[in-house]
Structures are given as C-alpha cells and as structure tokens.
C-alpha atoms as a PDB file:
ATOM      1  CA  MET A   1      -0.676  -5.428  13.275  1.00  0.00           C
ATOM      2  CA  ILE A   2       1.186  -8.696  12.712  1.00  0.00           C
ATOM      3  CA  ASP A   3       4.839  -8.167  13.862  1.00  0.00           C
ATOM      4  CA  ASP A   4       6.435  -9.550  10.678  1.00  0.00           C
ATOM      5  CA  ILE A   5       4.242  -7.566   8.455  1.00  0.00           C
ATOM      6  CA  GLN A   6       4.790  -4.378  10.467  1.00  0.00           C
ATOM      7  CA  LYS A   7       8.560  -4.727  10.247  1.00  0.00           C
ATOM      8  CA  ARG A   8       8.388  -5.352   6.375  1.00  0.00           C
ATOM      9  CA  ALA A   9       5.953  -2.404   5.912  1.00  0.00           C
ATOM     10  CA  LEU A  10       8.145  -0.016   7.930  1.00  0.00           C
ATOM     11  CA  ARG A  11      11.210  -1.190   5.989  1.00  0.00           C
ATOM     12  CA  ARG A  12       9.351  -0.470   2.704  1.00  0.00           C
ATOM     13  CA  THR A  13       8.262   2.918   3.952  1.00  0.00           C
ATOM     14  CA  SER A  14      11.872   3.834   4.799  1.00  0.00           C
ATOM     15  CA  ILE A  15      12.891   2.781   1.176  1.00  0.00           C
ATOM     16  CA  LEU A  16      10.054   4.759  -0.190  1.00  0.00           C
ATOM     17  CA  GLU A  17      11.130   7.875   1.682  1.00  0.00           C
ATOM     18  CA  GLY A  18      14.518   7.621   0.130  1.00  0.00           C
ATOM     19  CA  GLN A  19      13.135   7.046  -3.336  1.00  0.00           C
ATOM     20  CA  VAL A  20      10.904  10.141  -3.005  1.00  0.00           C
ATOM     21  CA  ARG A  21      13.805  12.246  -1.886  1.00  0.00           C
ATOM     22  CA  GLY A  22      15.816  11.014  -4.812  1.00  0.00           C
ATOM     23  CA  LEU A  23      12.992  11.836  -7.216  1.00  0.00           C
ATOM     24  CA  ALA A  24      12.745  15.436  -5.900  1.00  0.00           C
ATOM     25  CA  ARG A  25      16.627  15.771  -6.418  1.00  0.00           C
ATOM     26  CA  MET A  26      16.240  14.448  -9.985  1.00  0.00           C
ATOM     27  CA  ILE A  27      13.554  17.067 -10.681  1.00  0.00           C
ATOM     28  CA  GLU A  28      15.536  19.799  -9.136  1.00  0.00           C
ATOM     29  CA  ASN A  29      18.645  18.787 -11.132  1.00  0.00           C
ATOM     30  CA  GLU A  30      16.614  18.593 -14.300  1.00  0.00           C
ATOM     31  CA  ASP A  31      17.690  15.047 -14.939  1.00  0.00           C
ATOM     32  CA  TYR A  32      16.667  13.282 -18.152  1.00  0.00           C
ATOM     33  CA  CYS A  33      12.894  12.951 -18.244  1.00  0.00           C
ATOM     34  CA  MET A  34      12.979   9.230 -18.888  1.00  0.00           C
ATOM     35  CA  ASP A  35      15.159   8.753 -15.824  1.00  0.00           C
ATOM     36  CA  ILE A  36      12.710  10.650 -13.652  1.00  0.00           C
ATOM     37  CA  ILE A  37       9.726   8.713 -15.112  1.00  0.00           C
ATOM     38  CA  ALA A  38      11.632   5.441 -14.368  1.00  0.00           C
ATOM     39  CA  GLN A  39      12.199   6.513 -10.686  1.00  0.00           C
ATOM     40  CA  SER A  40       8.443   7.574 -10.386  1.00  0.00           C
ATOM     41  CA  ARG A  41       7.373   4.205 -11.762  1.00  0.00           C
ATOM     42  CA  ALA A  42       9.643   2.390  -9.229  1.00  0.00           C
ATOM     43  CA  ILE A  43       7.985   4.415  -6.434  1.00  0.00           C
ATOM     44  CA  GLN A  44       4.587   3.466  -7.757  1.00  0.00           C
ATOM     45  CA  LYS A  45       5.612  -0.230  -7.719  1.00  0.00           C
ATOM     46  CA  ALA A  46       6.944   0.076  -4.243  1.00  0.00           C
ATOM     47  CA  LEU A  47       3.735   1.658  -3.024  1.00  0.00           C
ATOM     48  CA  ALA A  48       1.680  -1.194  -4.601  1.00  0.00           C
ATOM     49  CA  SER A  49       3.967  -3.657  -2.826  1.00  0.00           C
ATOM     50  CA  LEU A  50       3.399  -1.783   0.477  1.00  0.00           C
ATOM     51  CA  ASP A  51      -0.501  -1.882  -0.266  1.00  0.00           C
ATOM     52  CA  LYS A  52      -0.266  -5.648  -0.662  1.00  0.00           C
ATOM     53  CA  LEU A  53       1.361  -5.960   2.799  1.00  0.00           C
ATOM     54  CA  LEU A  54      -1.328  -3.805   4.456  1.00  0.00           C
ATOM     55  CA  ILE A  55      -4.107  -5.642   2.759  1.00  0.00           C
ATOM     56  CA  GLU A  56      -2.618  -8.937   3.849  1.00  0.00           C
ATOM     57  CA  ASN A  57      -2.468  -7.798   7.412  1.00  0.00           C
ATOM     58  CA  HIS A  58      -6.117  -6.489   7.143  1.00  0.00           C
ATOM     59  CA  LEU A  59      -7.242  -9.817   5.831  1.00  0.00           C
ATOM     60  CA  ARG A  60      -5.427 -11.848   8.433  1.00  0.00           C
ATOM     61  CA  THR A  61      -6.657  -9.790  11.381  1.00  0.00           C
ATOM     62  CA  HIS A  62      -9.652  -7.574  10.915  1.00  0.00           C
ATOM     63  CA  VAL A  63     -11.429  -9.290   8.126  1.00  0.00           C
ATOM     64  CA  THR A  64     -11.072 -12.685   9.609  1.00  0.00           C
ATOM     65  CA  HIS A  65     -12.680 -11.456  12.811  1.00  0.00           C
ATOM     66  CA  MET A  66     -15.383  -9.554  10.976  1.00  0.00           C
ATOM     67  CA  PHE A  67     -16.414 -12.557   8.850  1.00  0.00           C
ATOM     68  CA  GLU A  68     -16.559 -14.707  12.017  1.00  0.00           C
ATOM     69  CA  SER A  69     -18.831 -12.170  13.632  1.00  0.00           C
ATOM     70  CA  GLY A  70     -21.146 -12.284  10.675  1.00  0.00           C
ATOM     71  CA  GLY A  71     -24.084 -10.045  10.009  1.00  0.00           C
ATOM     72  CA  GLU A  72     -23.243  -6.276   9.727  1.00  0.00           C
ATOM     73  CA  GLN A  73     -19.565  -6.838  10.549  1.00  0.00           C
ATOM     74  CA  ARG A  74     -19.251  -9.267   7.519  1.00  0.00           C
ATOM     75  CA  GLU A  75     -20.981  -6.726   5.258  1.00  0.00           C
ATOM     76  CA  GLN A  76     -18.653  -3.998   6.493  1.00  0.00           C
ATOM     77  CA  ALA A  77     -15.615  -6.282   5.693  1.00  0.00           C
ATOM     78  CA  VAL A  78     -16.953  -6.793   2.184  1.00  0.00           C
ATOM     79  CA  ALA A  79     -17.489  -3.119   1.622  1.00  0.00           C
ATOM     80  CA  GLU A  80     -13.896  -2.300   2.922  1.00  0.00           C
ATOM     81  CA  LEU A  81     -12.413  -4.838   0.533  1.00  0.00           C
ATOM     82  CA  LEU A  82     -14.380  -3.557  -2.376  1.00  0.00           C
ATOM     83  CA  LYS A  83     -13.161  -0.027  -1.503  1.00  0.00           C
ATOM     84  CA  ALA A  84      -9.578  -1.272  -1.170  1.00  0.00           C
ATOM     85  CA  TYR A  85      -9.628  -2.590  -4.689  1.00  0.00           C
ATOM     86  CA  ASP A  86     -11.686   0.366  -6.059  1.00  0.00           C
ATOM     87  CA  LEU A  87     -14.556  -1.857  -6.782  1.00  0.00           C
ATOM     88  CA  GLU A  88     -17.147  -0.110  -4.625  1.00  0.00           C
ATOM     89  CA  THR A  89     -20.522   0.283  -6.326  1.00  0.00           C
ATOM     90  CA  ARG A  90     -21.447   3.611  -4.708  1.00  0.00           C
END
C-alpha cells in the first residue's frame, strides 16, 4: 500500500470508529431521529471517502501492474473495477 494513502486511510478509519460509537450512543440515548440520521449519513460519506482512497491505491498499484501484464491479468483488473463500482454483469 502506498504510504501516504495508508496513513490517510488509517486516519479515516479512526474517525469512523468514533463516529460509529457516537451513533450507537445517540441510539441508546434515544436522541432526535433526524440527528441520528444526520450522523448515519455522515458515516456513509466518510465510508465513501475511504473507498475512494482504497480504489486510488488499487489503481496506482495492482491495476497498473495488471494492465502492464496484459492478457488474463488485464481482464481480471477490469472485472475487479466493475465489481468495485457495482457494474459487474454477472
């Protein structure tokens, strides 16, 4: 994993852990529904941001190598990207 991306991904993961704990507390405390939903949506956005980092790392490392290798490796890279974006045809 690329060092910078790994550091950023781990930081976002730590933030997500805190957000999820906060969400659980909000539910336990029976906070206002719209506040809980807002927190849940913030977590979803944070997860999407983490996904972008992980995909960037995959593109810059594995996919680059797989495309350079060609053949079956290239097809596997395409299949993985389709799966990552929920575009697979199977």
